[in-house]
C-alpha atoms as a PDB file:
ATOM      1  CA  MET A   1      96.932-130.797 -79.682  1.00  0.00           C
ATOM      2  CA  PRO A   2      96.617-134.426 -80.763  1.00  0.00           C
ATOM      3  CA  THR A   3      99.760-136.293 -81.613  1.00  0.00           C
ATOM      4  CA  ARG A   4     100.526-137.738 -85.009  1.00  0.00           C
ATOM      5  CA  GLU A   5     101.174-141.405 -85.418  1.00  0.00           C
ATOM      6  CA  GLY A   6     104.855-142.120 -84.838  1.00  0.00           C
ATOM      7  CA  ASP A   7     105.496-139.020 -82.709  1.00  0.00           C
ATOM      8  CA  ASP A   8     107.520-139.707 -79.570  1.00  0.00           C
ATOM      9  CA  MET A   9     105.763-136.998 -77.546  1.00  0.00           C
ATOM     10  CA  THR A  10     102.318-137.518 -76.091  1.00  0.00           C
ATOM     11  CA  GLU A  11      99.633-134.844 -75.919  1.00  0.00           C
ATOM     12  CA  GLU A  12     100.206-134.451 -72.164  1.00  0.00           C
ATOM     13  CA  SER A  13     103.985-133.988 -72.481  1.00  0.00           C
ATOM     14  CA  GLN A  14     103.455-131.209 -75.041  1.00  0.00           C
ATOM     15  CA  LYS A  15     101.157-129.184 -72.780  1.00  0.00           C
ATOM     16  CA  GLN A  16     102.916-126.180 -71.303  1.00  0.00           C
ATOM     17  CA  LEU A  17     102.576-125.831 -67.541  1.00  0.00           C
ATOM     18  CA  PRO A  18     104.821-122.844 -66.724  1.00  0.00           C
ATOM     19  CA  HIS A  19     106.155-122.498 -63.171  1.00  0.00           C
ATOM     20  CA  LEU A  20     108.105-119.626 -61.608  1.00  0.00           C
ATOM     21  CA  VAL A  21     110.811-120.294 -59.017  1.00  0.00           C
ATOM     22  CA  PHE A  22     111.923-117.411 -56.833  1.00  0.00           C
ATOM     23  CA  GLY A  23     113.150-116.725 -53.326  1.00  0.00           C
ATOM     24  CA  GLY A  24     114.325-114.150 -50.884  1.00  0.00           C
ATOM     25  CA  GLU A  25     115.044-113.411 -47.252  1.00  0.00           C
ATOM     26  CA  LEU A  26     112.002-113.380 -45.009  1.00  0.00           C
ATOM     27  CA  VAL A  27     111.353-110.884 -42.221  1.00  0.00           C
ATOM     28  CA  GLU A  28     109.986-113.667 -39.972  1.00  0.00           C
ATOM     29  CA  LEU A  29     110.210-117.418 -40.477  1.00  0.00           C
ATOM     30  CA  ASP A  30     106.502-117.933 -39.864  1.00  0.00           C
ATOM     31  CA  GLU A  31     105.331-115.321 -42.393  1.00  0.00           C
ATOM     32  CA  VAL A  32     105.798-114.775 -46.109  1.00  0.00           C
ATOM     33  CA  GLU A  33     107.037-111.193 -46.044  1.00  0.00           C
ATOM     34  CA  PHE A  34     110.344-110.412 -47.723  1.00  0.00           C
ATOM     35  CA  LYS A  35     113.009-108.159 -46.206  1.00  0.00           C
ATOM     36  CA  ASP A  36     113.717-106.489 -49.547  1.00  0.00           C
ATOM     37  CA  LEU A  37     111.647-107.092 -52.691  1.00  0.00           C
ATOM     38  CA  GLU A  38     114.406-105.595 -54.837  1.00  0.00           C
ATOM     39  CA  LYS A  39     116.729-108.395 -53.743  1.00  0.00           C
ATOM     40  CA  LEU A  40     114.455-111.299 -54.707  1.00  0.00           C
ATOM     41  CA  ASP A  41     116.276-114.087 -56.484  1.00  0.00           C
ATOM     42  CA  ILE A  42     114.293-114.920 -59.632  1.00  0.00           C
ATOM     43  CA  VAL A  43     115.601-118.383 -60.481  1.00  0.00           C
ATOM     44  CA  GLY A  44     113.503-118.646 -63.635  1.00  0.00           C
ATOM     45  CA  VAL A  45     110.380-119.835 -65.402  1.00  0.00           C
ATOM     46  CA  PHE A  46     110.245-123.553 -66.147  1.00  0.00           C
ATOM     47  CA  PRO A  47     108.073-125.542 -68.573  1.00  0.00           C
ATOM     48  CA  ASN A  48     106.857-128.104 -66.039  1.00  0.00           C
ATOM     49  CA  TYR A  49     106.749-128.897 -62.344  1.00  0.00           C
ATOM     50  CA  LYS A  50     109.626-131.395 -62.458  1.00  0.00           C
ATOM     51  CA  SER A  51     112.133-128.889 -63.822  1.00  0.00           C
ATOM     52  CA  ALA A  52     110.811-126.183 -61.467  1.00  0.00           C
ATOM     53  CA  TYR A  53     111.153-128.538 -58.508  1.00  0.00           C
ATOM     54  CA  ASP A  54     114.732-129.379 -59.490  1.00  0.00           C
ATOM     55  CA  ALA A  55     115.582-125.655 -59.731  1.00  0.00           C
ATOM     56  CA  TRP A  56     113.828-124.929 -56.417  1.00  0.00           C
ATOM     57  CA  LYS A  57     115.707-127.725 -54.679  1.00  0.00           C
ATOM     58  CA  GLY A  58     119.057-126.542 -56.043  1.00  0.00           C
ATOM     59  CA  ALA A  59     118.436-122.936 -54.993  1.00  0.00           C
ATOM     60  CA  ALA A  60     117.247-123.988 -51.535  1.00  0.00           C
ATOM     61  CA  GLN A  61     120.296-126.217 -51.028  1.00  0.00           C
ATOM     62  CA  ARG A  62     122.674-123.414 -52.065  1.00  0.00           C
ATOM     63  CA  THR A  63     121.226-121.151 -49.348  1.00  0.00           C
ATOM     64  CA  VAL A  64     120.820-123.731 -46.576  1.00  0.00           C
ATOM     65  CA  ASP A  65     123.133-121.739 -44.270  1.00  0.00           C
ATOM     66  CA  ASN A  66     120.756-118.746 -44.325  1.00  0.00           C
ATOM     67  CA  ALA A  67     117.735-119.665 -42.187  1.00  0.00           C
ATOM     68  CA  GLN A  68     115.801-116.576 -43.356  1.00  0.00           C
ATOM     69  CA  MET A  69     116.084-117.493 -47.046  1.00  0.00           C
ATOM     70  CA  ARG A  70     113.114-119.287 -48.636  1.00  0.00           C
ATOM     71  CA  TYR A  71     112.343-120.353 -52.200  1.00  0.00           C
ATOM     72  CA  PHE A  72     108.903-120.874 -53.701  1.00  0.00           C
ATOM     73  CA  ILE A  73     107.328-122.469 -56.768  1.00  0.00           C
ATOM     74  CA  VAL A  74     104.467-120.497 -58.315  1.00  0.00           C
ATOM     75  CA  HIS A  75     102.118-122.445 -60.587  1.00  0.00           C
ATOM     76  CA  ILE A  76     101.752-119.813 -63.316  1.00  0.00           C
ATOM     77  CA  HIS A  77      99.565-122.127 -65.404  1.00  0.00           C
ATOM     78  CA  ARG A  78      96.978-122.120 -62.596  1.00  0.00           C
ATOM     79  CA  LEU A  79      96.897-118.325 -62.617  1.00  0.00           C
ATOM     80  CA  LEU A  80      96.452-118.273 -66.386  1.00  0.00           C
ATOM     81  CA  ASP A  81      93.784-120.996 -66.399  1.00  0.00           C
ATOM     82  CA  PRO A  82      92.184-121.499 -62.948  1.00  0.00           C
ATOM     83  CA  GLU A  83      89.868-124.197 -64.354  1.00  0.00           C
ATOM     84  CA  ASP A  84      92.863-126.388 -65.251  1.00  0.00           C
ATOM     85  CA  ASP A  85      93.602-128.819 -62.440  1.00  0.00           C
ATOM     86  CA  SER A  86      96.559-130.548 -64.070  1.00  0.00           C
ATOM     87  CA  ALA A  87      98.274-132.859 -61.632  1.00  0.00           C
ATOM     88  CA  HIS A  88     102.003-132.748 -61.008  1.00  0.00           C
ATOM     89  CA  GLU A  89     104.432-135.582 -60.612  1.00  0.00           C
ATOM     90  CA  ILE A  90     108.042-135.323 -59.589  1.00  0.00           C
END
């Protein structure tokens, strides 16, 4: 969507790039298999990579004492539109 003259937001900043942040305890550290899918921690869905990264980092730091716990960022926008190769910046 093009911006109107005088708008503070650019076209790029208005584009939604949803990201999911979730985590859980892994069976093995070298595999992505969860001990219990019902106990996954769904941190949330975020409008851009920066906010998802911040949430991921916070969740990972809160569980640093549990070596089996891992958090992930899923690029939902890439699943919805595989042709979109939008770059991310932190």
